[in-house]
């Protein structure tokens, strides 16, 4: 977040949390160690893996609302979905005040 002021960070977080949905929760919020003018925020959101492909498409659709340009790390095969880890990072977002964003999906 492009601020360390609590009220500004909360204002910037509100639209992101709305996109992520009701189960998204802020886990950590602190001054970013590389740049003291920024705030680092970690958000977690549980995913029900009843239908892995459907849930993964939901994650990707949500990501498309946050940024149009993602760098993804995917496993070489998706035949076994247990133990799958998928991650992405975007350094340009469609949300004001968010400098960069990343996500990890882990299916244990």
PDB file of N, CA and C in Angstrom:
ATOM      1  N   UNK A   1       0.830  -1.157   0.000  1.00  0.00           N
ATOM      2  CA  UNK A   1       0.000   0.000   0.000  1.00  0.00           C
ATOM      3  C   UNK A   1       0.887   1.236   0.000  1.00  0.00           C
ATOM      4  N   UNK A   2       0.485   2.232  -0.737  1.00  0.00           N
ATOM      5  CA  UNK A   2       1.268   3.459  -0.869  1.00  0.00           C
ATOM      6  C   UNK A   2       1.080   4.421   0.297  1.00  0.00           C
ATOM      7  N   UNK A   3       1.083   3.906   1.505  1.00  0.00           N
ATOM      8  CA  UNK A   3       0.931   4.759   2.675  1.00  0.00           C
ATOM      9  C   UNK A   3       1.275   3.960   3.918  1.00  0.00           C
ATOM     10  N   UNK A   4       1.618   4.670   4.971  1.00  0.00           N
ATOM     11  CA  UNK A   4       1.766   4.029   6.279  1.00  0.00           C
ATOM     12  C   UNK A   4       0.710   4.557   7.247  1.00  0.00           C
ATOM     13  N   UNK A   5      -0.071   5.511   6.798  1.00  0.00           N
ATOM     14  CA  UNK A   5      -1.128   6.086   7.625  1.00  0.00           C
ATOM     15  C   UNK A   5      -2.291   5.094   7.709  1.00  0.00           C
ATOM     16  N   UNK A   6      -2.677   4.734   8.905  1.00  0.00           N
ATOM     17  CA  UNK A   6      -3.689   3.698   9.141  1.00  0.00           C
ATOM     18  C   UNK A   6      -4.991   3.963   8.390  1.00  0.00           C
ATOM     19  N   UNK A   7      -5.484   5.190   8.441  1.00  0.00           N
ATOM     20  CA  UNK A   7      -6.767   5.489   7.780  1.00  0.00           C
ATOM     21  C   UNK A   7      -6.661   5.350   6.263  1.00  0.00           C
ATOM     22  N   UNK A   8      -5.517   5.712   5.693  1.00  0.00           N
ATOM     23  CA  UNK A   8      -5.324   5.587   4.245  1.00  0.00           C
ATOM     24  C   UNK A   8      -5.215   4.124   3.848  1.00  0.00           C
ATOM     25  N   UNK A   9      -4.466   3.341   4.615  1.00  0.00           N
ATOM     26  CA  UNK A   9      -4.328   1.912   4.327  1.00  0.00           C
ATOM     27  C   UNK A   9      -5.696   1.243   4.377  1.00  0.00           C
ATOM     28  N   UNK A  10      -6.490   1.568   5.370  1.00  0.00           N
ATOM     29  CA  UNK A  10      -7.832   0.985   5.489  1.00  0.00           C
ATOM     30  C   UNK A  10      -8.680   1.353   4.272  1.00  0.00           C
ATOM     31  N   UNK A  11      -8.589   2.605   3.839  1.00  0.00           N
ATOM     32  CA  UNK A  11      -9.332   3.066   2.660  1.00  0.00           C
ATOM     33  C   UNK A  11      -8.881   2.321   1.403  1.00  0.00           C
ATOM     34  N   UNK A  12      -7.581   2.080   1.266  1.00  0.00           N
ATOM     35  CA  UNK A  12      -7.055   1.356   0.105  1.00  0.00           C
ATOM     36  C   UNK A  12      -7.411  -0.128   0.153  1.00  0.00           C
ATOM     37  N   UNK A  13      -7.489  -0.685   1.355  1.00  0.00           N
ATOM     38  CA  UNK A  13      -7.809  -2.102   1.518  1.00  0.00           C
ATOM     39  C   UNK A  13      -9.277  -2.428   1.235  1.00  0.00           C
ATOM     40  N   UNK A  14     -10.158  -1.487   1.509  1.00  0.00           N
ATOM     41  CA  UNK A  14     -11.589  -1.756   1.400  1.00  0.00           C
ATOM     42  C   UNK A  14     -12.009  -2.319   0.043  1.00  0.00           C
ATOM     43  N   UNK A  15     -11.644  -1.714  -1.089  1.00  0.00           N
ATOM     44  CA  UNK A  15     -12.071  -2.287  -2.367  1.00  0.00           C
ATOM     45  C   UNK A  15     -11.422  -3.645  -2.649  1.00  0.00           C
ATOM     46  N   UNK A  16     -10.195  -3.847  -2.189  1.00  0.00           N
ATOM     47  CA  UNK A  16      -9.542  -5.144  -2.393  1.00  0.00           C
ATOM     48  C   UNK A  16     -10.269  -6.237  -1.619  1.00  0.00           C
ATOM     49  N   UNK A  17     -10.596  -5.959  -0.378  1.00  0.00           N
ATOM     50  CA  UNK A  17     -11.312  -6.952   0.434  1.00  0.00           C
ATOM     51  C   UNK A  17     -12.701  -7.228  -0.129  1.00  0.00           C
ATOM     52  N   UNK A  18     -13.335  -6.226  -0.718  1.00  0.00           N
ATOM     53  CA  UNK A  18     -14.639  -6.444  -1.353  1.00  0.00           C
ATOM     54  C   UNK A  18     -14.511  -7.385  -2.545  1.00  0.00           C
ATOM     55  N   UNK A  19     -13.458  -7.224  -3.337  1.00  0.00           N
ATOM     56  CA  UNK A  19     -13.228  -8.115  -4.490  1.00  0.00           C
ATOM     57  C   UNK A  19     -12.949  -9.538  -4.017  1.00  0.00           C
ATOM     58  N   UNK A  20     -12.172  -9.665  -2.944  1.00  0.00           N
ATOM     59  CA  UNK A  20     -11.797 -10.991  -2.453  1.00  0.00           C
ATOM     60  C   UNK A  20     -12.967 -11.726  -1.793  1.00  0.00           C
ATOM     61  N   UNK A  21     -13.871 -11.005  -1.186  1.00  0.00           N
ATOM     62  CA  UNK A  21     -15.042 -11.635  -0.593  1.00  0.00           C
ATOM     63  C   UNK A  21     -15.000 -11.689   0.923  1.00  0.00           C
ATOM     64  N   UNK A  22     -16.101 -12.130   1.470  1.00  0.00           N
ATOM     65  CA  UNK A  22     -16.333 -12.076   2.913  1.00  0.00           C
ATOM     66  C   UNK A  22     -15.364 -12.929   3.730  1.00  0.00           C
ATOM     67  N   UNK A  23     -14.787 -13.966   3.147  1.00  0.00           N
ATOM     68  CA  UNK A  23     -13.893 -14.833   3.922  1.00  0.00           C
ATOM     69  C   UNK A  23     -12.451 -14.342   3.966  1.00  0.00           C
ATOM     70  N   UNK A  24     -12.133 -13.279   3.235  1.00  0.00           N
ATOM     71  CA  UNK A  24     -10.776 -12.728   3.240  1.00  0.00           C
ATOM     72  C   UNK A  24     -10.525 -11.994   4.550  1.00  0.00           C
ATOM     73  N   UNK A  25      -9.360 -12.246   5.151  1.00  0.00           N
ATOM     74  CA  UNK A  25      -9.023 -11.619   6.421  1.00  0.00           C
ATOM     75  C   UNK A  25      -7.598 -11.091   6.392  1.00  0.00           C
ATOM     76  N   UNK A  26      -7.404  -9.899   6.941  1.00  0.00           N
ATOM     77  CA  UNK A  26      -6.070  -9.339   7.067  1.00  0.00           C
ATOM     78  C   UNK A  26      -5.343 -10.101   8.178  1.00  0.00           C
ATOM     79  N   UNK A  27      -4.223 -10.708   7.821  1.00  0.00           N
ATOM     80  CA  UNK A  27      -3.429 -11.483   8.779  1.00  0.00           C
ATOM     81  C   UNK A  27      -2.286 -10.669   9.375  1.00  0.00           C
ATOM     82  N   UNK A  28      -1.718  -9.783   8.548  1.00  0.00           N
ATOM     83  CA  UNK A  28      -0.574  -8.990   8.995  1.00  0.00           C
ATOM     84  C   UNK A  28      -0.601  -7.654   8.276  1.00  0.00           C
ATOM     85  N   UNK A  29      -0.243  -6.615   9.005  1.00  0.00           N
ATOM     86  CA  UNK A  29      -0.157  -5.279   8.423  1.00  0.00           C
ATOM     87  C   UNK A  29       0.974  -4.557   9.135  1.00  0.00           C
ATOM     88  N   UNK A  30       2.048  -4.248   8.371  1.00  0.00           N
ATOM     89  CA  UNK A  30       3.191  -3.579   8.980  1.00  0.00           C
ATOM     90  C   UNK A  30       3.952  -2.779   7.933  1.00  0.00           C
ATOM     91  N   UNK A  31       4.794  -1.879   8.397  1.00  0.00           N
ATOM     92  CA  UNK A  31       5.621  -1.085   7.490  1.00  0.00           C
ATOM     93  C   UNK A  31       6.507  -2.018   6.689  1.00  0.00           C
ATOM     94  N   UNK A  32       6.571  -1.791   5.375  1.00  0.00           N
ATOM     95  CA  UNK A  32       7.355  -2.639   4.478  1.00  0.00           C
ATOM     96  C   UNK A  32       8.837  -2.417   4.747  1.00  0.00           C
ATOM     97  N   UNK A  33       9.578  -3.484   4.937  1.00  0.00           N
ATOM     98  CA  UNK A  33      10.977  -3.375   5.352  1.00  0.00           C
ATOM     99  C   UNK A  33      11.879  -2.745   4.290  1.00  0.00           C
ATOM    100  N   UNK A  34      11.518  -2.847   3.014  1.00  0.00           N
ATOM    101  CA  UNK A  34      12.350  -2.267   1.957  1.00  0.00           C
ATOM    102  C   UNK A  34      12.082  -0.779   1.741  1.00  0.00           C
ATOM    103  N   UNK A  35      10.912  -0.327   2.147  1.00  0.00           N
ATOM    104  CA  UNK A  35      10.527   1.066   1.892  1.00  0.00           C
ATOM    105  C   UNK A  35       9.582   1.502   3.005  1.00  0.00           C
ATOM    106  N   UNK A  36      10.061   2.349   3.868  1.00  0.00           N
ATOM    107  CA  UNK A  36       9.286   2.745   5.047  1.00  0.00           C
ATOM    108  C   UNK A  36       8.093   3.639   4.719  1.00  0.00           C
ATOM    109  N   UNK A  37       7.915   4.005   3.441  1.00  0.00           N
ATOM    110  CA  UNK A  37       6.734   4.790   3.059  1.00  0.00           C
ATOM    111  C   UNK A  37       5.575   3.891   2.640  1.00  0.00           C
ATOM    112  N   UNK A  38       5.804   2.570   2.618  1.00  0.00           N
ATOM    113  CA  UNK A  38       4.781   1.614   2.196  1.00  0.00           C
ATOM    114  C   UNK A  38       4.354   0.730   3.359  1.00  0.00           C
ATOM    115  N   UNK A  39       3.165   0.167   3.248  1.00  0.00           N
ATOM    116  CA  UNK A  39       2.663  -0.803   4.218  1.00  0.00           C
ATOM    117  C   UNK A  39       2.493  -2.138   3.521  1.00  0.00           C
ATOM    118  N   UNK A  40       3.009  -3.178   4.145  1.00  0.00           N
ATOM    119  CA  UNK A  40       2.836  -4.540   3.641  1.00  0.00           C
ATOM    120  C   UNK A  40       1.635  -5.154   4.346  1.00  0.00           C
ATOM    121  N   UNK A  41       0.742  -5.732   3.558  1.00  0.00           N
ATOM    122  CA  UNK A  41      -0.463  -6.346   4.109  1.00  0.00           C
ATOM    123  C   UNK A  41      -0.560  -7.772   3.594  1.00  0.00           C
ATOM    124  N   UNK A  42      -0.725  -8.723   4.503  1.00  0.00           N
ATOM    125  CA  UNK A  42      -0.953 -10.117   4.131  1.00  0.00           C
ATOM    126  C   UNK A  42      -2.405 -10.454   4.411  1.00  0.00           C
ATOM    127  N   UNK A  43      -3.058 -11.015   3.406  1.00  0.00           N
ATOM    128  CA  UNK A  43      -4.467 -11.384   3.506  1.00  0.00           C
ATOM    129  C   UNK A  43      -4.571 -12.878   3.245  1.00  0.00           C
ATOM    130  N   UNK A  44      -5.360 -13.557   4.034  1.00  0.00           N
ATOM    131  CA  UNK A  44      -5.594 -14.979   3.790  1.00  0.00           C
ATOM    132  C   UNK A  44      -7.067 -15.200   3.464  1.00  0.00           C
ATOM    133  N   UNK A  45      -7.298 -16.238   2.707  1.00  0.00           N
ATOM    134  CA  UNK A  45      -8.667 -16.578   2.338  1.00  0.00           C
ATOM    135  C   UNK A  45      -8.738 -18.081   2.119  1.00  0.00           C
ATOM    136  N   UNK A  46      -9.541 -18.769   2.910  1.00  0.00           N
ATOM    137  CA  UNK A  46      -9.659 -20.213   2.719  1.00  0.00           C
ATOM    138  C   UNK A  46     -10.402 -20.538   1.418  1.00  0.00           C
ATOM    139  N   UNK A  47     -10.006 -21.627   0.815  1.00  0.00           N
ATOM    140  CA  UNK A  47     -10.653 -22.093  -0.413  1.00  0.00           C
ATOM    141  C   UNK A  47     -11.131 -23.517  -0.172  1.00  0.00           C
ATOM    142  N   UNK A  48     -12.353 -23.782  -0.523  1.00  0.00           N
ATOM    143  CA  UNK A  48     -12.880 -25.144  -0.458  1.00  0.00           C
ATOM    144  C   UNK A  48     -12.475 -25.863  -1.742  1.00  0.00           C
ATOM    145  N   UNK A  49     -11.707 -26.927  -1.616  1.00  0.00           N
ATOM    146  CA  UNK A  49     -11.218 -27.630  -2.793  1.00  0.00           C
ATOM    147  C   UNK A  49     -12.115 -28.825  -3.142  1.00  0.00           C
ATOM    148  N   UNK A  50     -13.402 -28.599  -3.164  1.00  0.00           N
ATOM    149  CA  UNK A  50     -14.314 -29.665  -3.555  1.00  0.00           C
ATOM    150  C   UNK A  50     -14.189 -29.960  -5.045  1.00  0.00           C
ATOM    151  N   UNK A  51     -13.995 -28.910  -5.830  1.00  0.00           N
ATOM    152  CA  UNK A  51     -13.772 -29.047  -7.263  1.00  0.00           C
ATOM    153  C   UNK A  51     -12.575 -28.169  -7.607  1.00  0.00           C
ATOM    154  N   UNK A  52     -11.390 -28.786  -7.653  1.00  0.00           N
ATOM    155  CA  UNK A  52     -10.148 -28.047  -7.792  1.00  0.00           C
ATOM    156  C   UNK A  52     -10.147 -27.130  -9.010  1.00  0.00           C
ATOM    157  N   UNK A  53     -10.555 -27.636 -10.150  1.00  0.00           N
ATOM    158  CA  UNK A  53     -10.523 -26.846 -11.378  1.00  0.00           C
ATOM    159  C   UNK A  53     -11.441 -25.629 -11.274  1.00  0.00           C
ATOM    160  N   UNK A  54     -12.623 -25.827 -10.733  1.00  0.00           N
ATOM    161  CA  UNK A  54     -13.571 -24.736 -10.579  1.00  0.00           C
ATOM    162  C   UNK A  54     -13.044 -23.686  -9.601  1.00  0.00           C
ATOM    163  N   UNK A  55     -12.501 -24.133  -8.487  1.00  0.00           N
ATOM    164  CA  UNK A  55     -11.963 -23.212  -7.487  1.00  0.00           C
ATOM    165  C   UNK A  55     -10.769 -22.443  -8.045  1.00  0.00           C
ATOM    166  N   UNK A  56      -9.912 -23.117  -8.788  1.00  0.00           N
ATOM    167  CA  UNK A  56      -8.760 -22.439  -9.382  1.00  0.00           C
ATOM    168  C   UNK A  56      -9.212 -21.393 -10.399  1.00  0.00           C
ATOM    169  N   UNK A  57     -10.210 -21.693 -11.187  1.00  0.00           N
ATOM    170  CA  UNK A  57     -10.740 -20.705 -12.128  1.00  0.00           C
ATOM    171  C   UNK A  57     -11.306 -19.507 -11.374  1.00  0.00           C
ATOM    172  N   UNK A  58     -11.933 -19.743 -10.245  1.00  0.00           N
ATOM    173  CA  UNK A  58     -12.443 -18.650  -9.415  1.00  0.00           C
ATOM    174  C   UNK A  58     -11.316 -17.755  -8.926  1.00  0.00           C
ATOM    175  N   UNK A  59     -10.211 -18.361  -8.508  1.00  0.00           N
ATOM    176  CA  UNK A  59      -9.045 -17.583  -8.066  1.00  0.00           C
ATOM    177  C   UNK A  59      -8.524 -16.733  -9.216  1.00  0.00           C
ATOM    178  N   UNK A  60      -8.385 -17.330 -10.389  1.00  0.00           N
ATOM    179  CA  UNK A  60      -7.852 -16.602 -11.543  1.00  0.00           C
ATOM    180  C   UNK A  60      -8.795 -15.481 -11.999  1.00  0.00           C
ATOM    181  N   UNK A  61     -10.088 -15.715 -11.932  1.00  0.00           N
ATOM    182  CA  UNK A  61     -11.047 -14.657 -12.277  1.00  0.00           C
ATOM    183  C   UNK A  61     -10.937 -13.490 -11.296  1.00  0.00           C
ATOM    184  N   UNK A  62     -10.801 -13.795 -10.016  1.00  0.00           N
ATOM    185  CA  UNK A  62     -10.632 -12.750  -9.017  1.00  0.00           C
ATOM    186  C   UNK A  62      -9.334 -11.984  -9.264  1.00  0.00           C
ATOM    187  N   UNK A  63      -8.279 -12.716  -9.594  1.00  0.00           N
ATOM    188  CA  UNK A  63      -6.992 -12.068  -9.895  1.00  0.00           C
ATOM    189  C   UNK A  63      -7.122 -11.110 -11.067  1.00  0.00           C
ATOM    190  N   UNK A  64      -7.936 -11.463 -12.048  1.00  0.00           N
ATOM    191  CA  UNK A  64      -8.092 -10.597 -13.222  1.00  0.00           C
ATOM    192  C   UNK A  64      -8.776  -9.275 -12.874  1.00  0.00           C
ATOM    193  N   UNK A  65      -9.498  -9.229 -11.756  1.00  0.00           N
ATOM    194  CA  UNK A  65     -10.120  -7.988 -11.306  1.00  0.00           C
ATOM    195  C   UNK A  65      -9.118  -7.068 -10.607  1.00  0.00           C
ATOM    196  N   UNK A  66      -8.021  -7.651 -10.147  1.00  0.00           N
ATOM    197  CA  UNK A  66      -7.013  -6.905  -9.399  1.00  0.00           C
ATOM    198  C   UNK A  66      -5.901  -6.400 -10.320  1.00  0.00           C
ATOM    199  N   UNK A  67      -5.521  -7.214 -11.297  1.00  0.00           N
ATOM    200  CA  UNK A  67      -4.472  -6.837 -12.246  1.00  0.00           C
ATOM    201  C   UNK A  67      -4.696  -7.578 -13.558  1.00  0.00           C
ATOM    202  N   UNK A  68      -4.264  -6.976 -14.625  1.00  0.00           N
ATOM    203  CA  UNK A  68      -4.378  -7.600 -15.940  1.00  0.00           C
ATOM    204  C   UNK A  68      -3.072  -8.269 -16.364  1.00  0.00           C
ATOM    205  N   UNK A  69      -2.030  -8.151 -15.552  1.00  0.00           N
ATOM    206  CA  UNK A  69      -0.717  -8.629 -15.945  1.00  0.00           C
ATOM    207  C   UNK A  69      -0.078  -9.403 -14.797  1.00  0.00           C
ATOM    208  N   UNK A  70      -0.234 -10.722 -14.805  1.00  0.00           N
ATOM    209  CA  UNK A  70       0.283 -11.579 -13.740  1.00  0.00           C
ATOM    210  C   UNK A  70       1.449 -12.414 -14.256  1.00  0.00           C
ATOM    211  N   UNK A  71       2.412 -12.647 -13.384  1.00  0.00           N
ATOM    212  CA  UNK A  71       3.476 -13.610 -13.633  1.00  0.00           C
ATOM    213  C   UNK A  71       3.147 -14.820 -12.765  1.00  0.00           C
ATOM    214  N   UNK A  72       2.845 -15.950 -13.414  1.00  0.00           N
ATOM    215  CA  UNK A  72       2.384 -17.137 -12.695  1.00  0.00           C
ATOM    216  C   UNK A  72       3.476 -18.187 -12.606  1.00  0.00           C
ATOM    217  N   UNK A  73       3.478 -18.904 -11.493  1.00  0.00           N
ATOM    218  CA  UNK A  73       4.321 -20.079 -11.318  1.00  0.00           C
ATOM    219  C   UNK A  73       3.375 -21.257 -11.144  1.00  0.00           C
ATOM    220  N   UNK A  74       3.478 -22.200 -12.075  1.00  0.00           N
ATOM    221  CA  UNK A  74       2.580 -23.347 -12.091  1.00  0.00           C
ATOM    222  C   UNK A  74       3.383 -24.638 -12.050  1.00  0.00           C
ATOM    223  N   UNK A  75       2.809 -25.698 -11.506  1.00  0.00           N
ATOM    224  CA  UNK A  75       3.489 -26.995 -11.554  1.00  0.00           C
ATOM    225  C   UNK A  75       3.507 -27.518 -12.998  1.00  0.00           C
ATOM    226  N   UNK A  76       4.378 -28.452 -13.269  1.00  0.00           N
ATOM    227  CA  UNK A  76       4.481 -28.990 -14.627  1.00  0.00           C
ATOM    228  C   UNK A  76       3.300 -29.873 -15.000  1.00  0.00           C
ATOM    229  N   UNK A  77       2.614 -30.420 -14.032  1.00  0.00           N
ATOM    230  CA  UNK A  77       1.444 -31.240 -14.316  1.00  0.00           C
ATOM    231  C   UNK A  77       0.392 -31.071 -13.253  1.00  0.00           C
ATOM    232  N   UNK A  78      -0.837 -31.143 -13.654  1.00  0.00           N
ATOM    233  CA  UNK A  78      -1.936 -30.995 -12.692  1.00  0.00           C
ATOM    234  C   UNK A  78      -2.749 -32.280 -12.567  1.00  0.00           C
ATOM    235  N   UNK A  79      -2.139 -33.425 -12.853  1.00  0.00           N
ATOM    236  CA  UNK A  79      -2.889 -34.674 -12.776  1.00  0.00           C
ATOM    237  C   UNK A  79      -3.237 -35.033 -11.333  1.00  0.00           C
ATOM    238  N   UNK A  80      -2.370 -34.695 -10.391  1.00  0.00           N
ATOM    239  CA  UNK A  80      -2.640 -34.917  -8.980  1.00  0.00           C
ATOM    240  C   UNK A  80      -2.726 -33.551  -8.313  1.00  0.00           C
ATOM    241  N   UNK A  81      -3.890 -33.171  -7.828  1.00  0.00           N
ATOM    242  CA  UNK A  81      -4.068 -31.826  -7.291  1.00  0.00           C
ATOM    243  C   UNK A  81      -3.638 -31.700  -5.832  1.00  0.00           C
ATOM    244  N   UNK A  82      -3.416 -32.815  -5.146  1.00  0.00           N
ATOM    245  CA  UNK A  82      -2.957 -32.741  -3.760  1.00  0.00           C
ATOM    246  C   UNK A  82      -1.490 -32.322  -3.767  1.00  0.00           C
ATOM    247  N   UNK A  83      -1.140 -31.356  -2.937  1.00  0.00           N
ATOM    248  CA  UNK A  83       0.225 -30.873  -2.862  1.00  0.00           C
ATOM    249  C   UNK A  83       0.561 -29.823  -3.912  1.00  0.00           C
ATOM    250  N   UNK A  84      -0.430 -29.385  -4.658  1.00  0.00           N
ATOM    251  CA  UNK A  84      -0.213 -28.382  -5.703  1.00  0.00           C
ATOM    252  C   UNK A  84       0.028 -27.011  -5.073  1.00  0.00           C
ATOM    253  N   UNK A  85       0.997 -26.296  -5.603  1.00  0.00           N
ATOM    254  CA  UNK A  85       1.237 -24.910  -5.208  1.00  0.00           C
ATOM    255  C   UNK A  85       1.275 -24.069  -6.472  1.00  0.00           C
ATOM    256  N   UNK A  86       0.478 -23.021  -6.480  1.00  0.00           N
ATOM    257  CA  UNK A  86       0.402 -22.093  -7.605  1.00  0.00           C
ATOM    258  C   UNK A  86       0.587 -20.697  -7.023  1.00  0.00           C
ATOM    259  N   UNK A  87       1.387 -19.883  -7.676  1.00  0.00           N
ATOM    260  CA  UNK A  87       1.591 -18.523  -7.173  1.00  0.00           C
ATOM    261  C   UNK A  87       1.606 -17.540  -8.324  1.00  0.00           C
ATOM    262  N   UNK A  88       1.394 -16.293  -7.969  1.00  0.00           N
ATOM    263  CA  UNK A  88       1.411 -15.233  -8.964  1.00  0.00           C
ATOM    264  C   UNK A  88       1.831 -13.926  -8.331  1.00  0.00           C
ATOM    265  N   UNK A  89       2.384 -13.054  -9.160  1.00  0.00           N
ATOM    266  CA  UNK A  89       2.771 -11.721  -8.711  1.00  0.00           C
ATOM    267  C   UNK A  89       2.460 -10.736  -9.823  1.00  0.00           C
ATOM    268  N   UNK A  90       1.990  -9.560  -9.437  1.00  0.00           N
ATOM    269  CA  UNK A  90       1.699  -8.493 -10.398  1.00  0.00           C
ATOM    270  C   UNK A  90       2.287  -7.200  -9.855  1.00  0.00           C
ATOM    271  N   UNK A  91       3.000  -6.486 -10.711  1.00  0.00           N
ATOM    272  CA  UNK A  91       3.589  -5.225 -10.274  1.00  0.00           C
ATOM    273  C   UNK A  91       2.838  -4.016 -10.816  1.00  0.00           C
ATOM    274  N   UNK A  92       1.685  -4.273 -11.392  1.00  0.00           N
ATOM    275  CA  UNK A  92       0.771  -3.215 -11.811  1.00  0.00           C
ATOM    276  C   UNK A  92      -0.633  -3.694 -11.476  1.00  0.00           C
ATOM    277  N   UNK A  93      -1.386  -2.883 -10.757  1.00  0.00           N
ATOM    278  CA  UNK A  93      -2.729  -3.295 -10.377  1.00  0.00           C
ATOM    279  C   UNK A  93      -3.752  -2.296 -10.894  1.00  0.00           C
ATOM    280  N   UNK A  94      -4.990  -2.724 -10.896  1.00  0.00           N
ATOM    281  CA  UNK A  94      -6.083  -1.842 -11.305  1.00  0.00           C
ATOM    282  C   UNK A  94      -6.679  -1.109 -10.110  1.00  0.00           C
ATOM    283  N   UNK A  95      -6.057  -1.251  -8.951  1.00  0.00           N
ATOM    284  CA  UNK A  95      -6.566  -0.647  -7.722  1.00  0.00           C
ATOM    285  C   UNK A  95      -5.624   0.450  -7.245  1.00  0.00           C
ATOM    286  N   UNK A  96      -6.173   1.620  -7.034  1.00  0.00           N
ATOM    287  CA  UNK A  96      -5.370   2.762  -6.589  1.00  0.00           C
ATOM    288  C   UNK A  96      -4.645   2.465  -5.286  1.00  0.00           C
ATOM    289  N   UNK A  97      -3.371   2.856  -5.239  1.00  0.00           N
ATOM    290  CA  UNK A  97      -2.607   2.759  -4.006  1.00  0.00           C
ATOM    291  C   UNK A  97      -1.976   1.415  -3.737  1.00  0.00           C
ATOM    292  N   UNK A  98      -2.236   0.416  -4.564  1.00  0.00           N
ATOM    293  CA  UNK A  98      -1.626  -0.897  -4.380  1.00  0.00           C
ATOM    294  C   UNK A  98      -0.467  -1.001  -5.366  1.00  0.00           C
ATOM    295  N   UNK A  99       0.745  -1.037  -4.823  1.00  0.00           N
ATOM    296  CA  UNK A  99       1.962  -1.002  -5.627  1.00  0.00           C
ATOM    297  C   UNK A  99       2.200  -2.318  -6.345  1.00  0.00           C
ATOM    298  N   UNK A 100       2.082  -3.418  -5.634  1.00  0.00           N
ATOM    299  CA  UNK A 100       2.212  -4.749  -6.219  1.00  0.00           C
ATOM    300  C   UNK A 100       1.413  -5.712  -5.359  1.00  0.00           C
ATOM    301  N   UNK A 101       1.144  -6.870  -5.913  1.00  0.00           N
ATOM    302  CA  UNK A 101       0.325  -7.858  -5.225  1.00  0.00           C
ATOM    303  C   UNK A 101       0.817  -9.254  -5.608  1.00  0.00           C
ATOM    304  N   UNK A 102       0.701 -10.181  -4.702  1.00  0.00           N
ATOM    305  CA  UNK A 102       1.049 -11.567  -5.006  1.00  0.00           C
ATOM    306  C   UNK A 102       0.039 -12.487  -4.338  1.00  0.00           C
ATOM    307  N   UNK A 103       0.002 -13.724  -4.798  1.00  0.00           N
ATOM    308  CA  UNK A 103      -0.856 -14.713  -4.171  1.00  0.00           C
ATOM    309  C   UNK A 103      -0.205 -16.080  -4.236  1.00  0.00           C
ATOM    310  N   UNK A 104      -0.611 -16.937  -3.321  1.00  0.00           N
ATOM    311  CA  UNK A 104      -0.197 -18.343  -3.295  1.00  0.00           C
ATOM    312  C   UNK A 104      -1.445 -19.179  -3.062  1.00  0.00           C
ATOM    313  N   UNK A 105      -1.583 -20.222  -3.842  1.00  0.00           N
ATOM    314  CA  UNK A 105      -2.648 -21.202  -3.631  1.00  0.00           C
ATOM    315  C   UNK A 105      -1.949 -22.507  -3.301  1.00  0.00           C
ATOM    316  N   UNK A 106      -2.263 -23.055  -2.139  1.00  0.00           N
ATOM    317  CA  UNK A 106      -1.658 -24.315  -1.708  1.00  0.00           C
ATOM    318  C   UNK A 106      -2.772 -25.296  -1.397  1.00  0.00           C
ATOM    319  N   UNK A 107      -2.733 -26.436  -2.062  1.00  0.00           N
ATOM    320  CA  UNK A 107      -3.708 -27.492  -1.809  1.00  0.00           C
ATOM    321  C   UNK A 107      -2.973 -28.654  -1.165  1.00  0.00           C
ATOM    322  N   UNK A 108      -3.130 -28.746   0.138  1.00  0.00           N
ATOM    323  CA  UNK A 108      -2.396 -29.773   0.905  1.00  0.00           C
ATOM    324  C   UNK A 108      -3.145 -31.075   0.960  1.00  0.00           C
TER     325      UNK A 108
END
